[in-house]
Structures are given as C-alpha cells and as structure tokens.
Amino acid sequence: MSFVSLPRFSATTRARCSAMLLSLVVLSTISAGTVASAKQDVKVEASLMHDLPKKLEFANMKDGRDFVSSMTKTAERANDYTFKCVINTYRNGKVIRERGTFYYKRPSLMKMEITEGSKKGSVAVLGTDGKVRGHLGGMLKMFSGTIGRDSGLLKSANGFSMMDSDYDTLLKDLVKQLNDGSKCVVTSSPVAVAHTNEKVYVLEVYKNVDGDKEKDLTQRVFIDPKTNLPEQWNLYKQDQLFSSTDWRDVKVNIGLSDEVFSLKGKKDNQG
C-alpha cells in the first residue's frame, strides 16, 4: 500500500501514520461497524429485515433460474446507479452494523462512502485507472492510499469485498452457484413479507436438494417487483442467519459523471 507524501512531518511521524493507516485501513470499507447487543437491537433489526423462519417455504414457488436470468438482464441494462446499504452481520450473539452509500458506473467504476460507524467518513474508490484508493475519516482524511483490488482490507464484516457489491457481480456469483449444483426457487408472484407488509418476490437458494441430507437454505433474496432488483439479501451459515444486506434509495441510470468516482467526487448528478 502506498500513500501520498506527508509534508512537514518527521520520518517517525510519517511511519506512525502509515502504520496506523495499514492497521485501520481506509478500507476495511464497511468492516468496522458498530457492534451492539442483539437483544438490545431486536426492534431495530425487525424494521431492517424481512427475515423469516429459516425452514419456512412459500406456497406456489417455482424454479428460479429464469427469474435470476431476468434479474441479470435488468442489472446489465443499468448504466449507473447509487444506493444506500445497511449490512448486519451476526456473530457470537452480537450485531455488527455497517452503513454506507455505494456508487457504480459501467464498465467498472465503484465508490463506497462509510456514513455511519467507527469508520464514518472513510471512502474507497475504484477509479478509471483500475486502482482502488481511499482515506479514513476525520483528521486522517488528508492521508489517502492505494490498495490492491483483491485485498482483504476491503472486506466487510460478513467477509465480502466492496468490489463485489455491484449487482452484476452478485448475480454472476449466484449463477455460478446454480451451475455448480445449488438450486433456487422463487415465488410465482409478489408476496407480503414480515415487518413491512410490502409485496416482494422471494428467491431462495438451497444446497443438497438431491442429496441424502435435508436441503440446506443458504440464501434468501427479496426482490422489488418495481425494479426487478434485490432490496435485501440474507445469507445463512450453519443453520443460522449470519448476514443481511439492505439496499435503500436505489437510483438507476441517473447520469453519474466520472468525477463522482474520486475521493472528493462531485455529487451534483445523482438526481
């Protein structure tokens, strides 16, 4: 990781600043969210999540491959978009909450701004030159750095990278899982879900459907019927919900300029 020059600081101070940035990194991106007691956050989580009992299946569900294909085509038609995301990761009875605003423009420009949590003010950008840069919040905002796109430092608490947060990558990964043997089903029509009573399509992904073991739910995705894009993506691990990501205030094809994808990016073309 290389950092911009640090004028007017001694060599010792520069070394300490660099070490600090390496350990905190711009870019644990959304990985250092606020940790709170799960019990204390029951009401908050209920308002954030559409989650349902793990083994519950909806009536009138059908094979979901064609639906996934339809979602993929919708994502491919999006030239640019922005959304606010809330990621909740469940670990050892705790909730790690991470919030940020994500920007995307074809072919591969991305930007994440951390808007809440211990890294509030941090920014990560995949720029026009294919490099990822970023800075921490607060007084450390003056120190920007370059980091490898595949670096573990870009991962959120659920283990996924900011560079895999765009719709195309998420759906391509889902298609790969299906090609590798996972099965998916989707509701035949939008259904009302818990906590919101809003009607959405519900897509479920299973492993071991044709094996001897009880089929294993690995993902449950809630899709907005108006946009045909995910509004929440829940992941399961060892029979437990371990991550839930919400997409909010989704804006598609709003004409984001390349200037948005800089550390000081413009925000006047977001609509």
C-alpha atoms as a PDB file:
ATOM      1  CA  MET A   1       0.000   0.000   0.000  1.00  0.00           C
ATOM      2  CA  SER A   2       1.445   3.350  -0.971  1.00  0.00           C
ATOM      3  CA  PHE A   3       0.456   6.704   0.462  1.00  0.00           C
ATOM      4  CA  VAL A   4       0.717  10.250  -0.749  1.00  0.00           C
ATOM      5  CA  SER A   5       3.619  12.312   0.540  1.00  0.00           C
ATOM      6  CA  LEU A   6       3.326  13.630   4.071  1.00  0.00           C
ATOM      7  CA  PRO A   7       4.923  17.057   4.092  1.00  0.00           C
ATOM      8  CA  ARG A   8       6.041  18.796   7.275  1.00  0.00           C
ATOM      9  CA  PHE A   9       6.145  15.604   9.310  1.00  0.00           C
ATOM     10  CA  SER A  10       9.204  13.857  10.669  1.00  0.00           C
ATOM     11  CA  ALA A  11      10.173  10.404   9.430  1.00  0.00           C
ATOM     12  CA  THR A  12       8.958   8.924  12.724  1.00  0.00           C
ATOM     13  CA  THR A  13       5.592  10.628  12.434  1.00  0.00           C
ATOM     14  CA  ARG A  14       5.235   9.514   8.832  1.00  0.00           C
ATOM     15  CA  ALA A  15       6.000   5.941   9.808  1.00  0.00           C
ATOM     16  CA  ARG A  16       3.449   6.029  12.597  1.00  0.00           C
ATOM     17  CA  CYS A  17       0.787   7.489  10.307  1.00  0.00           C
ATOM     18  CA  SER A  18       1.462   4.828   7.675  1.00  0.00           C
ATOM     19  CA  ALA A  19       1.303   2.063  10.272  1.00  0.00           C
ATOM     20  CA  MET A  20      -1.965   3.464  11.555  1.00  0.00           C
ATOM     21  CA  LEU A  21      -3.435   3.520   8.082  1.00  0.00           C
ATOM     22  CA  LEU A  22      -2.275  -0.015   7.382  1.00  0.00           C
ATOM     23  CA  SER A  23      -3.930  -1.353  10.517  1.00  0.00           C
ATOM     24  CA  LEU A  24      -7.156   0.661  10.399  1.00  0.00           C
ATOM     25  CA  VAL A  25      -7.143   0.924   6.614  1.00  0.00           C
ATOM     26  CA  VAL A  26      -9.181   3.157   4.692  1.00  0.00           C
ATOM     27  CA  LEU A  27     -10.748   0.294   3.664  1.00  0.00           C
ATOM     28  CA  SER A  28     -11.932  -2.137   5.855  1.00  0.00           C
ATOM     29  CA  THR A  29     -14.617  -0.274   3.972  1.00  0.00           C
ATOM     30  CA  ILE A  30     -17.630  -1.273   5.841  1.00  0.00           C
ATOM     31  CA  SER A  31     -15.991  -3.815   8.052  1.00  0.00           C
ATOM     32  CA  ALA A  32     -15.709  -1.920  11.293  1.00  0.00           C
ATOM     33  CA  GLY A  33     -19.310  -1.111  12.014  1.00  0.00           C
ATOM     34  CA  THR A  34     -20.923  -0.539  15.353  1.00  0.00           C
ATOM     35  CA  VAL A  35     -21.179  -3.687  17.475  1.00  0.00           C
ATOM     36  CA  ALA A  36     -24.308  -3.885  19.569  1.00  0.00           C
ATOM     37  CA  SER A  37     -26.101  -6.432  21.677  1.00  0.00           C
ATOM     38  CA  ALA A  38     -28.530  -8.477  19.595  1.00  0.00           C
ATOM     39  CA  LYS A  39     -31.138  -8.302  22.332  1.00  0.00           C
ATOM     40  CA  GLN A  40     -30.931  -4.531  22.533  1.00  0.00           C
ATOM     41  CA  ASP A  41     -31.418  -4.226  18.800  1.00  0.00           C
ATOM     42  CA  VAL A  42     -34.427  -6.512  18.305  1.00  0.00           C
ATOM     43  CA  LYS A  43     -36.766  -3.648  17.396  1.00  0.00           C
ATOM     44  CA  VAL A  44     -34.236  -2.033  15.110  1.00  0.00           C
ATOM     45  CA  GLU A  45     -33.433  -5.279  13.355  1.00  0.00           C
ATOM     46  CA  ALA A  46     -37.124  -6.068  12.860  1.00  0.00           C
ATOM     47  CA  SER A  47     -37.515  -2.808  10.990  1.00  0.00           C
ATOM     48  CA  LEU A  48     -34.465  -3.553   8.823  1.00  0.00           C
ATOM     49  CA  MET A  49     -35.081  -7.166   7.959  1.00  0.00           C
ATOM     50  CA  HIS A  50     -37.625  -9.229   6.064  1.00  0.00           C
ATOM     51  CA  ASP A  51     -36.139 -12.378   7.510  1.00  0.00           C
ATOM     52  CA  LEU A  52     -38.396 -15.363   8.044  1.00  0.00           C
ATOM     53  CA  PRO A  53     -38.034 -18.680   9.889  1.00  0.00           C
ATOM     54  CA  LYS A  54     -35.193 -20.492   8.187  1.00  0.00           C
ATOM     55  CA  LYS A  55     -37.127 -23.582   7.090  1.00  0.00           C
ATOM     56  CA  LEU A  56     -40.291 -21.767   6.061  1.00  0.00           C
ATOM     57  CA  GLU A  57     -41.134 -22.187   2.398  1.00  0.00           C
ATOM     58  CA  PHE A  58     -43.762 -20.267   0.496  1.00  0.00           C
ATOM     59  CA  ALA A  59     -46.585 -21.937  -1.373  1.00  0.00           C
ATOM     60  CA  ASN A  60     -46.582 -21.725  -5.163  1.00  0.00           C
ATOM     61  CA  MET A  61     -42.837 -21.443  -5.533  1.00  0.00           C
ATOM     62  CA  LYS A  62     -41.269 -22.436  -8.828  1.00  0.00           C
ATOM     63  CA  ASP A  63     -37.811 -22.985 -10.291  1.00  0.00           C
ATOM     64  CA  GLY A  64     -35.984 -19.653 -10.096  1.00  0.00           C
ATOM     65  CA  ARG A  65     -33.378 -19.883 -12.863  1.00  0.00           C
ATOM     66  CA  ASP A  66     -35.428 -17.888 -15.375  1.00  0.00           C
ATOM     67  CA  PHE A  67     -36.112 -15.266 -12.716  1.00  0.00           C
ATOM     68  CA  VAL A  68     -32.388 -14.947 -11.968  1.00  0.00           C
ATOM     69  CA  SER A  69     -31.775 -14.568 -15.701  1.00  0.00           C
ATOM     70  CA  SER A  70     -34.363 -11.773 -15.797  1.00  0.00           C
ATOM     71  CA  MET A  71     -32.697 -10.007 -12.855  1.00  0.00           C
ATOM     72  CA  THR A  72     -29.325 -10.305 -14.577  1.00  0.00           C
ATOM     73  CA  LYS A  73     -30.669  -8.670 -17.745  1.00  0.00           C
ATOM     74  CA  THR A  74     -32.139  -5.845 -15.657  1.00  0.00           C
ATOM     75  CA  ALA A  75     -28.770  -5.253 -13.991  1.00  0.00           C
ATOM     76  CA  GLU A  76     -26.992  -5.283 -17.344  1.00  0.00           C
ATOM     77  CA  ARG A  77     -29.278  -2.504 -18.582  1.00  0.00           C
ATOM     78  CA  ALA A  78     -28.239  -0.267 -15.695  1.00  0.00           C
ATOM     79  CA  ASN A  79     -25.501   2.058 -16.900  1.00  0.00           C
ATOM     80  CA  ASP A  80     -25.055   3.579 -13.455  1.00  0.00           C
ATOM     81  CA  TYR A  81     -26.708   3.561 -10.056  1.00  0.00           C
ATOM     82  CA  THR A  82     -26.370   4.528  -6.452  1.00  0.00           C
ATOM     83  CA  PHE A  83     -27.905   3.164  -3.267  1.00  0.00           C
ATOM     84  CA  LYS A  84     -27.619   3.298   0.484  1.00  0.00           C
ATOM     85  CA  CYS A  85     -26.775  -0.029   2.078  1.00  0.00           C
ATOM     86  CA  VAL A  86     -27.108  -1.414   5.579  1.00  0.00           C
ATOM     87  CA  ILE A  87     -25.168  -4.581   6.380  1.00  0.00           C
ATOM     88  CA  ASN A  88     -25.876  -6.507   9.563  1.00  0.00           C
ATOM     89  CA  THR A  89     -23.504  -9.349  10.418  1.00  0.00           C
ATOM     90  CA  TYR A  90     -24.412 -11.660  13.308  1.00  0.00           C
ATOM     91  CA  ARG A  91     -21.522 -13.082  15.278  1.00  0.00           C
ATOM     92  CA  ASN A  92     -21.393 -14.585  18.775  1.00  0.00           C
ATOM     93  CA  GLY A  93     -24.699 -13.066  19.796  1.00  0.00           C
ATOM     94  CA  LYS A  94     -23.667  -9.624  18.577  1.00  0.00           C
ATOM     95  CA  VAL A  95     -24.733  -7.481  15.645  1.00  0.00           C
ATOM     96  CA  ILE A  96     -22.080  -5.701  13.610  1.00  0.00           C
ATOM     97  CA  ARG A  97     -23.883  -2.929  11.762  1.00  0.00           C
ATOM     98  CA  GLU A  98     -22.293  -1.183   8.789  1.00  0.00           C
ATOM     99  CA  ARG A  99     -23.790   1.583   6.664  1.00  0.00           C
ATOM    100  CA  GLY A 100     -22.636   3.294   3.524  1.00  0.00           C
ATOM    101  CA  THR A 101     -23.509   4.798   0.162  1.00  0.00           C
ATOM    102  CA  PHE A 102     -22.453   2.915  -2.966  1.00  0.00           C
ATOM    103  CA  TYR A 103     -21.971   4.278  -6.493  1.00  0.00           C
ATOM    104  CA  TYR A 104     -21.469   2.316  -9.718  1.00  0.00           C
ATOM    105  CA  LYS A 105     -20.890   3.221 -13.350  1.00  0.00           C
ATOM    106  CA  ARG A 106     -20.068   0.965 -16.261  1.00  0.00           C
ATOM    107  CA  PRO A 107     -17.809  -0.593 -17.079  1.00  0.00           C
ATOM    108  CA  SER A 108     -16.351  -0.899 -13.570  1.00  0.00           C
ATOM    109  CA  LEU A 109     -16.242   2.360 -11.627  1.00  0.00           C
ATOM    110  CA  MET A 110     -17.217   1.960  -7.970  1.00  0.00           C
ATOM    111  CA  LYS A 111     -17.241   4.074  -4.860  1.00  0.00           C
ATOM    112  CA  MET A 112     -18.200   3.416  -1.233  1.00  0.00           C
ATOM    113  CA  GLU A 113     -18.651   6.121   1.388  1.00  0.00           C
ATOM    114  CA  ILE A 114     -18.961   4.996   5.005  1.00  0.00           C
ATOM    115  CA  THR A 115     -21.744   7.045   6.550  1.00  0.00           C
ATOM    116  CA  GLU A 116     -22.116   5.529   9.999  1.00  0.00           C
ATOM    117  CA  GLY A 117     -19.988   3.548  12.410  1.00  0.00           C
ATOM    118  CA  SER A 118     -16.478   3.766  13.780  1.00  0.00           C
ATOM    119  CA  LYS A 119     -15.084   4.419  10.272  1.00  0.00           C
ATOM    120  CA  LYS A 120     -17.551   7.182   9.436  1.00  0.00           C
ATOM    121  CA  GLY A 121     -16.097   9.425   6.760  1.00  0.00           C
ATOM    122  CA  SER A 122     -13.927   6.742   5.129  1.00  0.00           C
ATOM    123  CA  VAL A 123     -14.113   6.497   1.342  1.00  0.00           C
ATOM    124  CA  ALA A 124     -12.986   3.785  -1.096  1.00  0.00           C
ATOM    125  CA  VAL A 125     -12.906   4.327  -4.873  1.00  0.00           C
ATOM    126  CA  LEU A 126     -12.213   2.064  -7.836  1.00  0.00           C
ATOM    127  CA  GLY A 127     -11.205   4.692 -10.372  1.00  0.00           C
ATOM    128  CA  THR A 128     -10.913   4.995 -14.136  1.00  0.00           C
ATOM    129  CA  ASP A 129      -7.344   3.655 -13.978  1.00  0.00           C
ATOM    130  CA  GLY A 130      -8.470   0.426 -12.312  1.00  0.00           C
ATOM    131  CA  LYS A 131      -6.826   1.255  -8.989  1.00  0.00           C
ATOM    132  CA  VAL A 132      -8.511   1.379  -5.593  1.00  0.00           C
ATOM    133  CA  ARG A 133      -7.820   4.419  -3.443  1.00  0.00           C
ATOM    134  CA  GLY A 134      -9.247   5.669  -0.201  1.00  0.00           C
ATOM    135  CA  HIS A 135      -8.906   7.584   3.021  1.00  0.00           C
ATOM    136  CA  LEU A 136     -10.102   7.395   6.605  1.00  0.00           C
ATOM    137  CA  GLY A 137     -12.497   9.873   8.154  1.00  0.00           C
ATOM    138  CA  GLY A 138     -11.882  12.779  10.494  1.00  0.00           C
ATOM    139  CA  MET A 139      -8.404  14.295  10.712  1.00  0.00           C
ATOM    140  CA  LEU A 140      -6.919  11.316   8.851  1.00  0.00           C
ATOM    141  CA  LYS A 141      -8.861  12.296   5.742  1.00  0.00           C
ATOM    142  CA  MET A 142      -5.725  14.090   4.494  1.00  0.00           C
ATOM    143  CA  PHE A 143      -3.901  10.760   4.104  1.00  0.00           C
ATOM    144  CA  SER A 144      -5.035   8.841   1.021  1.00  0.00           C
ATOM    145  CA  GLY A 145      -3.764   5.428  -0.020  1.00  0.00           C
ATOM    146  CA  THR A 146      -3.728   2.931  -2.885  1.00  0.00           C
ATOM    147  CA  ILE A 147      -4.636  -0.671  -2.180  1.00  0.00           C
ATOM    148  CA  GLY A 148      -4.861  -3.873  -4.200  1.00  0.00           C
ATOM    149  CA  ARG A 149      -8.358  -4.528  -5.525  1.00  0.00           C
ATOM    150  CA  ASP A 150      -8.417  -8.035  -4.063  1.00  0.00           C
ATOM    151  CA  SER A 151      -7.009  -7.039  -0.687  1.00  0.00           C
ATOM    152  CA  GLY A 152      -8.661  -8.478   2.388  1.00  0.00           C
ATOM    153  CA  LEU A 153      -8.610  -4.942   3.766  1.00  0.00           C
ATOM    154  CA  LEU A 154     -11.586  -4.158   1.534  1.00  0.00           C
ATOM    155  CA  LYS A 155     -13.799  -6.804   3.117  1.00  0.00           C
ATOM    156  CA  SER A 156     -16.826  -6.047   5.251  1.00  0.00           C
ATOM    157  CA  ALA A 157     -17.611  -7.945   8.447  1.00  0.00           C
ATOM    158  CA  ASN A 158     -19.511 -10.632   6.520  1.00  0.00           C
ATOM    159  CA  GLY A 159     -16.376 -11.463   4.533  1.00  0.00           C
ATOM    160  CA  PHE A 160     -17.406  -9.939   1.205  1.00  0.00           C
ATOM    161  CA  SER A 161     -15.461  -7.269  -0.617  1.00  0.00           C
ATOM    162  CA  MET A 162     -16.684  -3.836  -1.579  1.00  0.00           C
ATOM    163  CA  MET A 163     -15.522  -4.747  -5.077  1.00  0.00           C
ATOM    164  CA  ASP A 164     -18.188  -7.454  -5.181  1.00  0.00           C
ATOM    165  CA  SER A 165     -21.052  -5.179  -4.142  1.00  0.00           C
ATOM    166  CA  ASP A 166     -22.411  -4.295  -7.592  1.00  0.00           C
ATOM    167  CA  TYR A 167     -25.483  -6.074  -8.948  1.00  0.00           C
ATOM    168  CA  ASP A 168     -23.620  -7.681 -11.860  1.00  0.00           C
ATOM    169  CA  THR A 169     -21.051  -9.379  -9.630  1.00  0.00           C
ATOM    170  CA  LEU A 170     -23.630 -10.564  -7.091  1.00  0.00           C
ATOM    171  CA  LEU A 171     -25.849 -12.098  -9.760  1.00  0.00           C
ATOM    172  CA  LYS A 172     -22.951 -13.666 -11.676  1.00  0.00           C
ATOM    173  CA  ASP A 173     -21.851 -15.299  -8.441  1.00  0.00           C
ATOM    174  CA  LEU A 174     -25.389 -16.607  -7.894  1.00  0.00           C
ATOM    175  CA  VAL A 175     -25.481 -18.053 -11.424  1.00  0.00           C
ATOM    176  CA  LYS A 176     -22.136 -19.772 -10.767  1.00  0.00           C
ATOM    177  CA  GLN A 177     -23.549 -21.353  -7.611  1.00  0.00           C
ATOM    178  CA  LEU A 178     -26.524 -22.662  -9.568  1.00  0.00           C
ATOM    179  CA  ASN A 179     -24.231 -24.040 -12.270  1.00  0.00           C
ATOM    180  CA  ASP A 180     -22.231 -25.756  -9.518  1.00  0.00           C
ATOM    181  CA  GLY A 181     -25.302 -27.601  -8.232  1.00  0.00           C
ATOM    182  CA  SER A 182     -27.252 -25.281  -5.965  1.00  0.00           C
ATOM    183  CA  LYS A 183     -30.992 -24.962  -6.583  1.00  0.00           C
ATOM    184  CA  CYS A 184     -33.209 -21.914  -6.389  1.00  0.00           C
ATOM    185  CA  VAL A 185     -36.937 -21.332  -6.196  1.00  0.00           C
ATOM    186  CA  VAL A 186     -38.949 -18.121  -6.371  1.00  0.00           C
ATOM    187  CA  THR A 187     -42.487 -17.132  -5.504  1.00  0.00           C
ATOM    188  CA  SER A 188     -44.818 -17.186  -8.503  1.00  0.00           C
ATOM    189  CA  SER A 189     -45.967 -13.676  -7.663  1.00  0.00           C
ATOM    190  CA  PRO A 190     -45.030 -10.970  -5.136  1.00  0.00           C
ATOM    191  CA  VAL A 191     -45.963 -11.840  -1.544  1.00  0.00           C
ATOM    192  CA  ALA A 192     -46.285  -9.735   1.598  1.00  0.00           C
ATOM    193  CA  VAL A 193     -43.377 -10.190   3.991  1.00  0.00           C
ATOM    194  CA  ALA A 194     -42.991  -9.759   7.721  1.00  0.00           C
ATOM    195  CA  HIS A 195     -42.403  -6.346   9.317  1.00  0.00           C
ATOM    196  CA  THR A 196     -43.277  -4.267   6.226  1.00  0.00           C
ATOM    197  CA  ASN A 197     -46.328  -5.881   4.585  1.00  0.00           C
ATOM    198  CA  GLU A 198     -44.811  -4.792   1.274  1.00  0.00           C
ATOM    199  CA  LYS A 199     -45.132  -7.279  -1.548  1.00  0.00           C
ATOM    200  CA  VAL A 200     -41.876  -8.595  -2.962  1.00  0.00           C
ATOM    201  CA  TYR A 201     -40.634 -11.630  -4.842  1.00  0.00           C
ATOM    202  CA  VAL A 202     -38.821 -14.072  -2.565  1.00  0.00           C
ATOM    203  CA  LEU A 203     -35.983 -16.128  -4.023  1.00  0.00           C
ATOM    204  CA  GLU A 204     -34.426 -18.959  -2.008  1.00  0.00           C
ATOM    205  CA  VAL A 205     -31.181 -20.813  -2.747  1.00  0.00           C
ATOM    206  CA  TYR A 206     -30.534 -24.335  -1.469  1.00  0.00           C
ATOM    207  CA  LYS A 207     -27.718 -26.863  -1.435  1.00  0.00           C
ATOM    208  CA  ASN A 208     -28.027 -30.660  -1.160  1.00  0.00           C
ATOM    209  CA  VAL A 209     -31.501 -30.705  -2.712  1.00  0.00           C
ATOM    210  CA  ASP A 210     -30.863 -34.028  -4.417  1.00  0.00           C
ATOM    211  CA  GLY A 211     -28.604 -35.477  -1.742  1.00  0.00           C
ATOM    212  CA  ASP A 212     -29.296 -37.538   1.336  1.00  0.00           C
ATOM    213  CA  LYS A 213     -29.122 -34.551   3.649  1.00  0.00           C
ATOM    214  CA  GLU A 214     -32.008 -32.223   4.347  1.00  0.00           C
ATOM    215  CA  LYS A 215     -31.855 -29.451   1.797  1.00  0.00           C
ATOM    216  CA  ASP A 216     -29.955 -26.501   3.149  1.00  0.00           C
ATOM    217  CA  LEU A 217     -31.129 -22.894   2.728  1.00  0.00           C
ATOM    218  CA  THR A 218     -28.074 -20.733   2.052  1.00  0.00           C
ATOM    219  CA  GLN A 219     -29.646 -17.506   0.777  1.00  0.00           C
ATOM    220  CA  ARG A 220     -32.963 -15.693   0.794  1.00  0.00           C
ATOM    221  CA  VAL A 221     -33.298 -12.708  -1.515  1.00  0.00           C
ATOM    222  CA  PHE A 222     -36.144 -10.191  -1.541  1.00  0.00           C
ATOM    223  CA  ILE A 223     -36.687  -8.521  -4.917  1.00  0.00           C
ATOM    224  CA  ASP A 224     -38.548  -5.286  -5.534  1.00  0.00           C
ATOM    225  CA  PRO A 225     -41.167  -6.036  -8.233  1.00  0.00           C
ATOM    226  CA  LYS A 226     -40.942  -2.431  -9.494  1.00  0.00           C
ATOM    227  CA  THR A 227     -37.204  -2.512 -10.193  1.00  0.00           C
ATOM    228  CA  ASN A 228     -36.613  -6.275 -10.533  1.00  0.00           C
ATOM    229  CA  LEU A 229     -33.520  -5.781  -8.357  1.00  0.00           C
ATOM    230  CA  PRO A 230     -32.702  -7.045  -4.838  1.00  0.00           C
ATOM    231  CA  GLU A 231     -33.801  -4.950  -1.897  1.00  0.00           C
ATOM    232  CA  GLN A 232     -32.455  -7.364   0.699  1.00  0.00           C
ATOM    233  CA  TRP A 233     -30.069 -10.332   0.537  1.00  0.00           C
ATOM    234  CA  ASN A 234     -29.851 -12.645   3.547  1.00  0.00           C
ATOM    235  CA  LEU A 235     -27.111 -15.243   3.956  1.00  0.00           C
ATOM    236  CA  TYR A 236     -27.226 -18.344   6.160  1.00  0.00           C
ATOM    237  CA  LYS A 237     -24.378 -20.285   7.666  1.00  0.00           C
ATOM    238  CA  GLN A 238     -24.647 -23.473   9.709  1.00  0.00           C
ATOM    239  CA  ASP A 239     -28.423 -23.117  10.055  1.00  0.00           C
ATOM    240  CA  GLN A 240     -28.162 -19.529  11.267  1.00  0.00           C
ATOM    241  CA  LEU A 241     -28.713 -16.163   9.628  1.00  0.00           C
ATOM    242  CA  PHE A 242     -25.266 -14.577   9.617  1.00  0.00           C
ATOM    243  CA  SER A 243     -25.614 -11.606   7.283  1.00  0.00           C
ATOM    244  CA  SER A 244     -28.362  -9.353   5.979  1.00  0.00           C
ATOM    245  CA  THR A 245     -27.827  -6.563   3.451  1.00  0.00           C
ATOM    246  CA  ASP A 246     -30.477  -3.937   2.680  1.00  0.00           C
ATOM    247  CA  TRP A 247     -30.465  -1.708  -0.401  1.00  0.00           C
ATOM    248  CA  ARG A 248     -32.303   1.592   0.048  1.00  0.00           C
ATOM    249  CA  ASP A 249     -32.941   4.716  -2.018  1.00  0.00           C
ATOM    250  CA  VAL A 250     -31.886   2.904  -5.182  1.00  0.00           C
ATOM    251  CA  LYS A 251     -31.459   5.277  -8.146  1.00  0.00           C
ATOM    252  CA  VAL A 252     -30.714   3.808 -11.570  1.00  0.00           C
ATOM    253  CA  ASN A 253     -29.494   5.455 -14.789  1.00  0.00           C
ATOM    254  CA  ILE A 254     -29.164   8.923 -13.323  1.00  0.00           C
ATOM    255  CA  GLY A 255     -26.128  10.030 -15.328  1.00  0.00           C
ATOM    256  CA  LEU A 256     -23.278   9.789 -12.821  1.00  0.00           C
ATOM    257  CA  SER A 257     -20.172  11.522 -14.153  1.00  0.00           C
ATOM    258  CA  ASP A 258     -16.671  10.084 -13.862  1.00  0.00           C
ATOM    259  CA  GLU A 259     -15.885  12.893 -11.443  1.00  0.00           C
ATOM    260  CA  VAL A 260     -18.115  11.226  -8.860  1.00  0.00           C
ATOM    261  CA  PHE A 261     -15.587   8.402  -8.711  1.00  0.00           C
ATOM    262  CA  SER A 262     -12.823  10.284  -6.962  1.00  0.00           C
ATOM    263  CA  LEU A 263     -12.123  10.766  -3.288  1.00  0.00           C
ATOM    264  CA  LYS A 264     -13.684  14.223  -3.445  1.00  0.00           C
ATOM    265  CA  GLY A 265     -16.245  13.244  -6.066  1.00  0.00           C
ATOM    266  CA  LYS A 266     -18.968  15.537  -7.320  1.00  0.00           C
ATOM    267  CA  LYS A 267     -22.492  14.730  -6.208  1.00  0.00           C
ATOM    268  CA  ASP A 268     -24.500  17.037  -8.421  1.00  0.00           C
ATOM    269  CA  ASN A 269     -25.613  14.438 -10.965  1.00  0.00           C
ATOM    270  CA  GLN A 270     -27.295  11.972  -8.637  1.00  0.00           C
ATOM    271  CA  GLY A 271     -30.833  13.108  -9.335  1.00  0.00           C
END
